[in-house]
Amino acid sequence: MTGNFQPVSIRTGQSKVAEPTDPYMATAVAYSTPGYDGMAAMARAFVEEFARLGWPRDRIARMFRMPRYVAAHAVYRDRGPEFVERLITDVLGHPPEQGPEVS
């Protein structure tokens, strides 16, 4: 090794505008697989993963309602809030706590 070492300048690409043919653009592809409900499996994986991280039921349910969680929100839009609640109950094993009934 010599004393003429020059550090290499690394460009981060922050100023580069993504082009339509850019191979690194994130792309979602859905496949129809008869007999397999991929959307339900994906949603269940979300609930299981965030439950393992310690998220409480209400926070997991809120995630499905928030558009910034694109895939989870797609499940919420496509299947509805009842589906999400049933799935969360199925994974966590208990229904949501209800407040006291007002008569």
PDB file of N, CA and C in Angstrom:
ATOM      1  N   MET A   1       0.847  -1.167   0.000  1.00  0.00           N
ATOM      2  CA  MET A   1       0.000   0.000   0.000  1.00  0.00           C
ATOM      3  C   MET A   1       0.896   1.234   0.000  1.00  0.00           C
ATOM      4  N   THR A   2       0.550   2.194  -0.806  1.00  0.00           N
ATOM      5  CA  THR A   2       1.366   3.399  -0.926  1.00  0.00           C
ATOM      6  C   THR A   2       0.691   4.547  -0.202  1.00  0.00           C
ATOM      7  N   GLY A   3       1.401   5.615  -0.067  1.00  0.00           N
ATOM      8  CA  GLY A   3       0.884   6.809   0.585  1.00  0.00           C
ATOM      9  C   GLY A   3       0.052   7.676  -0.343  1.00  0.00           C
ATOM     10  N   ASN A   4      -0.203   7.241  -1.551  1.00  0.00           N
ATOM     11  CA  ASN A   4      -0.971   8.020  -2.513  1.00  0.00           C
ATOM     12  C   ASN A   4      -2.458   7.667  -2.521  1.00  0.00           C
ATOM     13  N   PHE A   5      -2.953   7.102  -1.438  1.00  0.00           N
ATOM     14  CA  PHE A   5      -4.363   6.682  -1.381  1.00  0.00           C
ATOM     15  C   PHE A   5      -5.293   7.887  -1.459  1.00  0.00           C
ATOM     16  N   GLN A   6      -6.220   7.837  -2.374  1.00  0.00           N
ATOM     17  CA  GLN A   6      -7.209   8.897  -2.539  1.00  0.00           C
ATOM     18  C   GLN A   6      -8.591   8.303  -2.276  1.00  0.00           C
ATOM     19  N   PRO A   7      -9.345   8.863  -1.356  1.00  0.00           N
ATOM     20  CA  PRO A   7     -10.696   8.328  -1.126  1.00  0.00           C
ATOM     21  C   PRO A   7     -11.562   8.519  -2.366  1.00  0.00           C
ATOM     22  N   VAL A   8     -12.393   7.561  -2.621  1.00  0.00           N
ATOM     23  CA  VAL A   8     -13.287   7.616  -3.773  1.00  0.00           C
ATOM     24  C   VAL A   8     -14.521   8.416  -3.386  1.00  0.00           C
ATOM     25  N   SER A   9     -14.898   9.333  -4.246  1.00  0.00           N
ATOM     26  CA  SER A   9     -16.099  10.119  -4.012  1.00  0.00           C
ATOM     27  C   SER A   9     -17.312   9.276  -4.398  1.00  0.00           C
ATOM     28  N   ILE A  10     -18.238   9.114  -3.482  1.00  0.00           N
ATOM     29  CA  ILE A  10     -19.434   8.316  -3.749  1.00  0.00           C
ATOM     30  C   ILE A  10     -20.620   9.253  -3.874  1.00  0.00           C
ATOM     31  N   ARG A  11     -21.273   9.188  -5.028  1.00  0.00           N
ATOM     32  CA  ARG A  11     -22.479   9.997  -5.235  1.00  0.00           C
ATOM     33  C   ARG A  11     -23.661   9.222  -4.681  1.00  0.00           C
ATOM     34  N   THR A  12     -24.522   9.902  -3.986  1.00  0.00           N
ATOM     35  CA  THR A  12     -25.666   9.223  -3.376  1.00  0.00           C
ATOM     36  C   THR A  12     -26.853   9.137  -4.309  1.00  0.00           C
ATOM     37  N   GLY A  13     -26.861   9.867  -5.395  1.00  0.00           N
ATOM     38  CA  GLY A  13     -27.978   9.813  -6.323  1.00  0.00           C
ATOM     39  C   GLY A  13     -29.166  10.650  -5.890  1.00  0.00           C
ATOM     40  N   GLN A  14     -28.991  11.456  -4.876  1.00  0.00           N
ATOM     41  CA  GLN A  14     -30.097  12.258  -4.366  1.00  0.00           C
ATOM     42  C   GLN A  14     -30.603  13.271  -5.375  1.00  0.00           C
ATOM     43  N   SER A  15     -29.740  13.706  -6.274  1.00  0.00           N
ATOM     44  CA  SER A  15     -30.168  14.715  -7.241  1.00  0.00           C
ATOM     45  C   SER A  15     -30.668  14.089  -8.538  1.00  0.00           C
ATOM     46  N   LYS A  16     -30.560  12.765  -8.661  1.00  0.00           N
ATOM     47  CA  LYS A  16     -30.986  12.089  -9.889  1.00  0.00           C
ATOM     48  C   LYS A  16     -32.500  11.895  -9.880  1.00  0.00           C
ATOM     49  N   VAL A  17     -33.113  12.243 -10.959  1.00  0.00           N
ATOM     50  CA  VAL A  17     -34.550  12.033 -11.100  1.00  0.00           C
ATOM     51  C   VAL A  17     -34.756  10.637 -11.669  1.00  0.00           C
ATOM     52  N   ALA A  18     -35.660   9.861 -11.060  1.00  0.00           N
ATOM     53  CA  ALA A  18     -35.927   8.508 -11.536  1.00  0.00           C
ATOM     54  C   ALA A  18     -36.572   8.558 -12.913  1.00  0.00           C
ATOM     55  N   GLU A  19     -36.099   7.704 -13.767  1.00  0.00           N
ATOM     56  CA  GLU A  19     -36.638   7.628 -15.119  1.00  0.00           C
ATOM     57  C   GLU A  19     -37.636   6.476 -15.193  1.00  0.00           C
ATOM     58  N   PRO A  20     -38.594   6.542 -16.134  1.00  0.00           N
ATOM     59  CA  PRO A  20     -39.600   5.475 -16.245  1.00  0.00           C
ATOM     60  C   PRO A  20     -39.008   4.085 -16.470  1.00  0.00           C
ATOM     61  N   THR A  21     -37.820   4.011 -17.048  1.00  0.00           N
ATOM     62  CA  THR A  21     -37.197   2.712 -17.317  1.00  0.00           C
ATOM     63  C   THR A  21     -36.183   2.318 -16.250  1.00  0.00           C
ATOM     64  N   ASP A  22     -36.094   3.072 -15.164  1.00  0.00           N
ATOM     65  CA  ASP A  22     -35.146   2.803 -14.091  1.00  0.00           C
ATOM     66  C   ASP A  22     -35.416   1.418 -13.506  1.00  0.00           C
ATOM     67  N   PRO A  23     -34.451   0.497 -13.549  1.00  0.00           N
ATOM     68  CA  PRO A  23     -34.695  -0.864 -13.063  1.00  0.00           C
ATOM     69  C   PRO A  23     -34.837  -0.950 -11.543  1.00  0.00           C
ATOM     70  N   TYR A  24     -34.534   0.105 -10.833  1.00  0.00           N
ATOM     71  CA  TYR A  24     -34.612   0.063  -9.385  1.00  0.00           C
ATOM     72  C   TYR A  24     -35.862   0.727  -8.828  1.00  0.00           C
ATOM     73  N   MET A  25     -36.776   1.091  -9.691  1.00  0.00           N
ATOM     74  CA  MET A  25     -38.033   1.656  -9.228  1.00  0.00           C
ATOM     75  C   MET A  25     -38.848   0.542  -8.566  1.00  0.00           C
ATOM     76  N   ALA A  26     -39.424   0.835  -7.400  1.00  0.00           N
ATOM     77  CA  ALA A  26     -40.257  -0.152  -6.704  1.00  0.00           C
ATOM     78  C   ALA A  26     -41.516  -0.410  -7.522  1.00  0.00           C
ATOM     79  N   THR A  27     -41.820  -1.666  -7.702  1.00  0.00           N
ATOM     80  CA  THR A  27     -42.979  -2.049  -8.489  1.00  0.00           C
ATOM     81  C   THR A  27     -43.719  -3.165  -7.765  1.00  0.00           C
ATOM     82  N   ALA A  28     -45.030  -3.029  -7.644  1.00  0.00           N
ATOM     83  CA  ALA A  28     -45.845  -4.083  -7.038  1.00  0.00           C
ATOM     84  C   ALA A  28     -46.535  -4.852  -8.146  1.00  0.00           C
ATOM     85  N   VAL A  29     -46.523  -6.157  -8.020  1.00  0.00           N
ATOM     86  CA  VAL A  29     -47.161  -7.007  -9.010  1.00  0.00           C
ATOM     87  C   VAL A  29     -48.067  -7.981  -8.278  1.00  0.00           C
ATOM     88  N   ALA A  30     -49.316  -8.065  -8.694  1.00  0.00           N
ATOM     89  CA  ALA A  30     -50.258  -9.004  -8.081  1.00  0.00           C
ATOM     90  C   ALA A  30     -50.503 -10.151  -9.044  1.00  0.00           C
ATOM     91  N   TYR A  31     -50.487 -11.356  -8.516  1.00  0.00           N
ATOM     92  CA  TYR A  31     -50.747 -12.543  -9.313  1.00  0.00           C
ATOM     93  C   TYR A  31     -52.026 -13.204  -8.825  1.00  0.00           C
ATOM     94  N   SER A  32     -52.813 -13.680  -9.747  1.00  0.00           N
ATOM     95  CA  SER A  32     -54.004 -14.434  -9.398  1.00  0.00           C
ATOM     96  C   SER A  32     -53.585 -15.886  -9.202  1.00  0.00           C
ATOM     97  N   THR A  33     -53.798 -16.397  -7.996  1.00  0.00           N
ATOM     98  CA  THR A  33     -53.443 -17.767  -7.682  1.00  0.00           C
ATOM     99  C   THR A  33     -54.697 -18.474  -7.186  1.00  0.00           C
ATOM    100  N   PRO A  34     -55.341 -19.246  -8.033  1.00  0.00           N
ATOM    101  CA  PRO A  34     -56.579 -19.924  -7.633  1.00  0.00           C
ATOM    102  C   PRO A  34     -56.398 -20.758  -6.364  1.00  0.00           C
ATOM    103  N   GLY A  35     -57.323 -20.598  -5.430  1.00  0.00           N
ATOM    104  CA  GLY A  35     -57.284 -21.357  -4.189  1.00  0.00           C
ATOM    105  C   GLY A  35     -56.416 -20.759  -3.100  1.00  0.00           C
ATOM    106  N   TYR A  36     -55.783 -19.636  -3.361  1.00  0.00           N
ATOM    107  CA  TYR A  36     -54.910 -19.010  -2.369  1.00  0.00           C
ATOM    108  C   TYR A  36     -55.278 -17.542  -2.254  1.00  0.00           C
ATOM    109  N   ASP A  37     -55.597 -17.109  -1.066  1.00  0.00           N
ATOM    110  CA  ASP A  37     -55.966 -15.715  -0.832  1.00  0.00           C
ATOM    111  C   ASP A  37     -54.731 -14.952  -0.360  1.00  0.00           C
ATOM    112  N   GLY A  38     -53.973 -14.463  -1.313  1.00  0.00           N
ATOM    113  CA  GLY A  38     -52.728 -13.775  -1.004  1.00  0.00           C
ATOM    114  C   GLY A  38     -52.925 -12.515  -0.192  1.00  0.00           C
ATOM    115  N   MET A  39     -54.010 -11.786  -0.451  1.00  0.00           N
ATOM    116  CA  MET A  39     -54.253 -10.552   0.292  1.00  0.00           C
ATOM    117  C   MET A  39     -54.504 -10.860   1.772  1.00  0.00           C
ATOM    118  N   ALA A  40     -55.279 -11.901   2.036  1.00  0.00           N
ATOM    119  CA  ALA A  40     -55.546 -12.277   3.432  1.00  0.00           C
ATOM    120  C   ALA A  40     -54.265 -12.758   4.111  1.00  0.00           C
ATOM    121  N   ALA A  41     -53.446 -13.512   3.392  1.00  0.00           N
ATOM    122  CA  ALA A  41     -52.179 -13.992   3.951  1.00  0.00           C
ATOM    123  C   ALA A  41     -51.247 -12.833   4.265  1.00  0.00           C
ATOM    124  N   MET A  42     -51.197 -11.859   3.371  1.00  0.00           N
ATOM    125  CA  MET A  42     -50.354 -10.684   3.594  1.00  0.00           C
ATOM    126  C   MET A  42     -50.848  -9.911   4.814  1.00  0.00           C
ATOM    127  N   ALA A  43     -52.156  -9.715   4.905  1.00  0.00           N
ATOM    128  CA  ALA A  43     -52.720  -8.973   6.034  1.00  0.00           C
ATOM    129  C   ALA A  43     -52.437  -9.690   7.346  1.00  0.00           C
ATOM    130  N   ARG A  44     -52.586 -11.006   7.350  1.00  0.00           N
ATOM    131  CA  ARG A  44     -52.304 -11.787   8.554  1.00  0.00           C
ATOM    132  C   ARG A  44     -50.831 -11.643   8.956  1.00  0.00           C
ATOM    133  N   ALA A  45     -49.939 -11.641   7.968  1.00  0.00           N
ATOM    134  CA  ALA A  45     -48.512 -11.471   8.255  1.00  0.00           C
ATOM    135  C   ALA A  45     -48.249 -10.109   8.893  1.00  0.00           C
ATOM    136  N   PHE A  46     -48.940  -9.060   8.418  1.00  0.00           N
ATOM    137  CA  PHE A  46     -48.791  -7.735   9.026  1.00  0.00           C
ATOM    138  C   PHE A  46     -49.214  -7.769  10.488  1.00  0.00           C
ATOM    139  N   VAL A  47     -50.376  -8.337  10.759  1.00  0.00           N
ATOM    140  CA  VAL A  47     -50.891  -8.378  12.137  1.00  0.00           C
ATOM    141  C   VAL A  47     -49.931  -9.165  13.024  1.00  0.00           C
ATOM    142  N   GLU A  48     -49.497 -10.337  12.568  1.00  0.00           N
ATOM    143  CA  GLU A  48     -48.576 -11.152  13.364  1.00  0.00           C
ATOM    144  C   GLU A  48     -47.262 -10.425  13.634  1.00  0.00           C
ATOM    145  N   GLU A  49     -46.718  -9.805  12.597  1.00  0.00           N
ATOM    146  CA  GLU A  49     -45.425  -9.115  12.736  1.00  0.00           C
ATOM    147  C   GLU A  49     -45.502  -7.962  13.732  1.00  0.00           C
ATOM    148  N   PHE A  50     -46.514  -7.115  13.591  1.00  0.00           N
ATOM    149  CA  PHE A  50     -46.601  -5.962  14.478  1.00  0.00           C
ATOM    150  C   PHE A  50     -47.017  -6.354  15.892  1.00  0.00           C
ATOM    151  N   ALA A  51     -47.775  -7.435  16.026  1.00  0.00           N
ATOM    152  CA  ALA A  51     -48.095  -7.946  17.363  1.00  0.00           C
ATOM    153  C   ALA A  51     -46.817  -8.439  18.043  1.00  0.00           C
ATOM    154  N   ARG A  52     -45.944  -9.098  17.287  1.00  0.00           N
ATOM    155  CA  ARG A  52     -44.662  -9.563  17.851  1.00  0.00           C
ATOM    156  C   ARG A  52     -43.767  -8.398  18.261  1.00  0.00           C
ATOM    157  N   LEU A  53     -43.939  -7.271  17.580  1.00  0.00           N
ATOM    158  CA  LEU A  53     -43.163  -6.079  17.947  1.00  0.00           C
ATOM    159  C   LEU A  53     -43.729  -5.391  19.183  1.00  0.00           C
ATOM    160  N   GLY A  54     -44.877  -5.887  19.653  1.00  0.00           N
ATOM    161  CA  GLY A  54     -45.474  -5.327  20.861  1.00  0.00           C
ATOM    162  C   GLY A  54     -46.548  -4.283  20.623  1.00  0.00           C
ATOM    163  N   TRP A  55     -46.957  -4.108  19.371  1.00  0.00           N
ATOM    164  CA  TRP A  55     -48.015  -3.127  19.095  1.00  0.00           C
ATOM    165  C   TRP A  55     -49.325  -3.626  19.681  1.00  0.00           C
ATOM    166  N   PRO A  56     -50.081  -2.772  20.345  1.00  0.00           N
ATOM    167  CA  PRO A  56     -51.397  -3.175  20.851  1.00  0.00           C
ATOM    168  C   PRO A  56     -52.425  -3.235  19.713  1.00  0.00           C
ATOM    169  N   ARG A  57     -53.534  -3.884  20.003  1.00  0.00           N
ATOM    170  CA  ARG A  57     -54.614  -4.090  19.025  1.00  0.00           C
ATOM    171  C   ARG A  57     -55.024  -2.789  18.344  1.00  0.00           C
ATOM    172  N   ASP A  58     -55.255  -1.737  19.102  1.00  0.00           N
ATOM    173  CA  ASP A  58     -55.752  -0.494  18.500  1.00  0.00           C
ATOM    174  C   ASP A  58     -54.735   0.133  17.553  1.00  0.00           C
ATOM    175  N   ARG A  59     -53.459  -0.008  17.851  1.00  0.00           N
ATOM    176  CA  ARG A  59     -52.436   0.550  16.965  1.00  0.00           C
ATOM    177  C   ARG A  59     -52.347  -0.244  15.662  1.00  0.00           C
ATOM    178  N   ILE A  60     -52.478  -1.563  15.752  1.00  0.00           N
ATOM    179  CA  ILE A  60     -52.470  -2.394  14.544  1.00  0.00           C
ATOM    180  C   ILE A  60     -53.671  -2.054  13.678  1.00  0.00           C
ATOM    181  N   ALA A  61     -54.844  -1.916  14.294  1.00  0.00           N
ATOM    182  CA  ALA A  61     -56.059  -1.570  13.544  1.00  0.00           C
ATOM    183  C   ALA A  61     -55.911  -0.202  12.889  1.00  0.00           C
ATOM    184  N   ARG A  62     -55.306   0.731  13.605  1.00  0.00           N
ATOM    185  CA  ARG A  62     -55.092   2.079  13.059  1.00  0.00           C
ATOM    186  C   ARG A  62     -54.170   2.044  11.846  1.00  0.00           C
ATOM    187  N   MET A  63     -53.177   1.166  11.878  1.00  0.00           N
ATOM    188  CA  MET A  63     -52.246   1.045  10.755  1.00  0.00           C
ATOM    189  C   MET A  63     -53.006   0.718   9.465  1.00  0.00           C
ATOM    190  N   PHE A  64     -53.988  -0.176   9.543  1.00  0.00           N
ATOM    191  CA  PHE A  64     -54.748  -0.550   8.352  1.00  0.00           C
ATOM    192  C   PHE A  64     -55.574   0.623   7.821  1.00  0.00           C
ATOM    193  N   ARG A  65     -55.946   1.530   8.683  1.00  0.00           N
ATOM    194  CA  ARG A  65     -56.758   2.675   8.252  1.00  0.00           C
ATOM    195  C   ARG A  65     -55.931   3.818   7.676  1.00  0.00           C
ATOM    196  N   MET A  66     -54.616   3.771   7.866  1.00  0.00           N
ATOM    197  CA  MET A  66     -53.748   4.878   7.444  1.00  0.00           C
ATOM    198  C   MET A  66     -53.194   4.651   6.033  1.00  0.00           C
ATOM    199  N   PRO A  67     -53.498   5.568   5.096  1.00  0.00           N
ATOM    200  CA  PRO A  67     -53.032   5.409   3.711  1.00  0.00           C
ATOM    201  C   PRO A  67     -51.515   5.319   3.551  1.00  0.00           C
ATOM    202  N   ARG A  68     -50.739   5.825   4.496  1.00  0.00           N
ATOM    203  CA  ARG A  68     -49.287   5.765   4.322  1.00  0.00           C
ATOM    204  C   ARG A  68     -48.752   4.337   4.446  1.00  0.00           C
ATOM    205  N   TYR A  69     -49.518   3.435   5.090  1.00  0.00           N
ATOM    206  CA  TYR A  69     -49.190   2.013   5.108  1.00  0.00           C
ATOM    207  C   TYR A  69     -49.901   1.398   3.900  1.00  0.00           C
ATOM    208  N   VAL A  70     -49.311   1.555   2.740  1.00  0.00           N
ATOM    209  CA  VAL A  70     -49.980   1.304   1.461  1.00  0.00           C
ATOM    210  C   VAL A  70     -50.582  -0.097   1.367  1.00  0.00           C
ATOM    211  N   ALA A  71     -49.814  -1.124   1.632  1.00  0.00           N
ATOM    212  CA  ALA A  71     -50.320  -2.490   1.467  1.00  0.00           C
ATOM    213  C   ALA A  71     -51.398  -2.807   2.498  1.00  0.00           C
ATOM    214  N   ALA A  72     -51.176  -2.429   3.751  1.00  0.00           N
ATOM    215  CA  ALA A  72     -52.183  -2.686   4.785  1.00  0.00           C
ATOM    216  C   ALA A  72     -53.462  -1.908   4.486  1.00  0.00           C
ATOM    217  N   HIS A  73     -53.319  -0.691   4.034  1.00  0.00           N
ATOM    218  CA  HIS A  73     -54.493   0.128   3.717  1.00  0.00           C
ATOM    219  C   HIS A  73     -55.241  -0.428   2.504  1.00  0.00           C
ATOM    220  N   ALA A  74     -54.532  -1.040   1.569  1.00  0.00           N
ATOM    221  CA  ALA A  74     -55.191  -1.667   0.423  1.00  0.00           C
ATOM    222  C   ALA A  74     -56.095  -2.804   0.886  1.00  0.00           C
ATOM    223  N   VAL A  75     -55.668  -3.552   1.892  1.00  0.00           N
ATOM    224  CA  VAL A  75     -56.505  -4.608   2.462  1.00  0.00           C
ATOM    225  C   VAL A  75     -57.749  -3.988   3.084  1.00  0.00           C
ATOM    226  N   TYR A  76     -57.550  -2.915   3.835  1.00  0.00           N
ATOM    227  CA  TYR A  76     -58.665  -2.234   4.502  1.00  0.00           C
ATOM    228  C   TYR A  76     -59.684  -1.740   3.476  1.00  0.00           C
ATOM    229  N   ARG A  77     -59.212  -1.143   2.395  1.00  0.00           N
ATOM    230  CA  ARG A  77     -60.118  -0.632   1.359  1.00  0.00           C
ATOM    231  C   ARG A  77     -60.830  -1.763   0.626  1.00  0.00           C
ATOM    232  N   ASP A  78     -60.076  -2.832   0.325  1.00  0.00           N
ATOM    233  CA  ASP A  78     -60.637  -3.923  -0.467  1.00  0.00           C
ATOM    234  C   ASP A  78     -61.571  -4.829   0.342  1.00  0.00           C
ATOM    235  N   ARG A  79     -61.194  -5.147   1.581  1.00  0.00           N
ATOM    236  CA  ARG A  79     -61.952  -6.110   2.375  1.00  0.00           C
ATOM    237  C   ARG A  79     -62.846  -5.472   3.437  1.00  0.00           C
ATOM    238  N   GLY A  80     -62.527  -4.243   3.828  1.00  0.00           N
ATOM    239  CA  GLY A  80     -63.368  -3.540   4.788  1.00  0.00           C
ATOM    240  C   GLY A  80     -62.908  -3.690   6.230  1.00  0.00           C
ATOM    241  N   PRO A  81     -63.425  -2.812   7.097  1.00  0.00           N
ATOM    242  CA  PRO A  81     -63.004  -2.803   8.501  1.00  0.00           C
ATOM    243  C   PRO A  81     -63.401  -4.064   9.263  1.00  0.00           C
ATOM    244  N   GLU A  82     -64.523  -4.688   8.902  1.00  0.00           N
ATOM    245  CA  GLU A  82     -64.946  -5.903   9.601  1.00  0.00           C
ATOM    246  C   GLU A  82     -63.952  -7.037   9.370  1.00  0.00           C
ATOM    247  N   PHE A  83     -63.446  -7.156   8.134  1.00  0.00           N
ATOM    248  CA  PHE A  83     -62.445  -8.179   7.824  1.00  0.00           C
ATOM    249  C   PHE A  83     -61.201  -7.965   8.673  1.00  0.00           C
ATOM    250  N   VAL A  84     -60.750  -6.724   8.744  1.00  0.00           N
ATOM    251  CA  VAL A  84     -59.538  -6.409   9.504  1.00  0.00           C
ATOM    252  C   VAL A  84     -59.747  -6.735  10.978  1.00  0.00           C
ATOM    253  N   GLU A  85     -60.883  -6.369  11.536  1.00  0.00           N
ATOM    254  CA  GLU A  85     -61.160  -6.655  12.956  1.00  0.00           C
ATOM    255  C   GLU A  85     -61.209  -8.163  13.218  1.00  0.00           C
ATOM    256  N   ARG A  86     -61.867  -8.911  12.322  1.00  0.00           N
ATOM    257  CA  ARG A  86     -61.915 -10.378  12.492  1.00  0.00           C
ATOM    258  C   ARG A  86     -60.516 -10.977  12.419  1.00  0.00           C
ATOM    259  N   LEU A  87     -59.705 -10.475  11.519  1.00  0.00           N
ATOM    260  CA  LEU A  87     -58.345 -10.978  11.375  1.00  0.00           C
ATOM    261  C   LEU A  87     -57.516 -10.687  12.626  1.00  0.00           C
ATOM    262  N   ILE A  88     -57.609  -9.483  13.130  1.00  0.00           N
ATOM    263  CA  ILE A  88     -56.867  -9.117  14.337  1.00  0.00           C
ATOM    264  C   ILE A  88     -57.316  -9.986  15.505  1.00  0.00           C
ATOM    265  N   THR A  89     -58.628 -10.205  15.635  1.00  0.00           N
ATOM    266  CA  THR A  89     -59.149 -11.053  16.710  1.00  0.00           C
ATOM    267  C   THR A  89     -58.654 -12.489  16.536  1.00  0.00           C
ATOM    268  N   ASP A  90     -58.633 -12.971  15.305  1.00  0.00           N
ATOM    269  CA  ASP A  90     -58.161 -14.327  15.035  1.00  0.00           C
ATOM    270  C   ASP A  90     -56.699 -14.483  15.440  1.00  0.00           C
ATOM    271  N   VAL A  91     -55.880 -13.496  15.140  1.00  0.00           N
ATOM    272  CA  VAL A  91     -54.448 -13.575  15.452  1.00  0.00           C
ATOM    273  C   VAL A  91     -54.186 -13.364  16.940  1.00  0.00           C
ATOM    274  N   LEU A  92     -54.809 -12.345  17.527  1.00  0.00           N
ATOM    275  CA  LEU A  92     -54.539 -12.010  18.927  1.00  0.00           C
ATOM    276  C   LEU A  92     -55.337 -12.869  19.908  1.00  0.00           C
ATOM    277  N   GLY A  93     -56.442 -13.456  19.428  1.00  0.00           N
ATOM    278  CA  GLY A  93     -57.197 -14.369  20.272  1.00  0.00           C
ATOM    279  C   GLY A  93     -58.163 -13.735  21.248  1.00  0.00           C
ATOM    280  N   HIS A  94     -58.425 -12.465  21.114  1.00  0.00           N
ATOM    281  CA  HIS A  94     -59.413 -11.833  21.995  1.00  0.00           C
ATOM    282  C   HIS A  94     -60.073 -10.675  21.264  1.00  0.00           C
ATOM    283  N   PRO A  95     -61.353 -10.453  21.518  1.00  0.00           N
ATOM    284  CA  PRO A  95     -62.036  -9.326  20.867  1.00  0.00           C
ATOM    285  C   PRO A  95     -61.591  -8.007  21.470  1.00  0.00           C
ATOM    286  N   PRO A  96     -61.859  -6.908  20.774  1.00  0.00           N
ATOM    287  CA  PRO A  96     -61.467  -5.598  21.344  1.00  0.00           C
ATOM    288  C   PRO A  96     -62.270  -5.331  22.597  1.00  0.00           C
ATOM    289  N   GLU A  97     -61.638  -4.612  23.509  1.00  0.00           N
ATOM    290  CA  GLU A  97     -62.329  -4.237  24.743  1.00  0.00           C
ATOM    291  C   GLU A  97     -63.376  -3.196  24.420  1.00  0.00           C
ATOM    292  N   GLN A  98     -64.555  -3.405  24.964  1.00  0.00           N
ATOM    293  CA  GLN A  98     -65.638  -2.443  24.771  1.00  0.00           C
ATOM    294  C   GLN A  98     -65.749  -1.595  26.025  1.00  0.00           C
ATOM    295  N   GLY A  99     -66.048  -0.341  25.827  1.00  0.00           N
ATOM    296  CA  GLY A  99     -66.273   0.544  26.959  1.00  0.00           C
ATOM    297  C   GLY A  99     -67.602   0.189  27.619  1.00  0.00           C
ATOM    298  N   PRO A 100     -67.890   0.791  28.749  1.00  0.00           N
ATOM    299  CA  PRO A 100     -69.167   0.509  29.410  1.00  0.00           C
ATOM    300  C   PRO A 100     -70.341   0.953  28.535  1.00  0.00           C
ATOM    301  N   GLU A 101     -71.365   0.113  28.524  1.00  0.00           N
ATOM    302  CA  GLU A 101     -72.541   0.448  27.725  1.00  0.00           C
ATOM    303  C   GLU A 101     -73.316   1.573  28.381  1.00  0.00           C
ATOM    304  N   VAL A 102     -73.760   2.504  27.549  1.00  0.00           N
ATOM    305  CA  VAL A 102     -74.544   3.630  28.058  1.00  0.00           C
ATOM    306  C   VAL A 102     -75.992   3.363  27.688  1.00  0.00           C
ATOM    307  N   SER A 103     -76.872   3.404  28.709  1.00  0.00           N
ATOM    308  CA  SER A 103     -78.281   3.163  28.404  1.00  0.00           C
ATOM    309  C   SER A 103     -79.085   4.418  28.357  1.00  0.00           C
TER     310      SER A 103
END
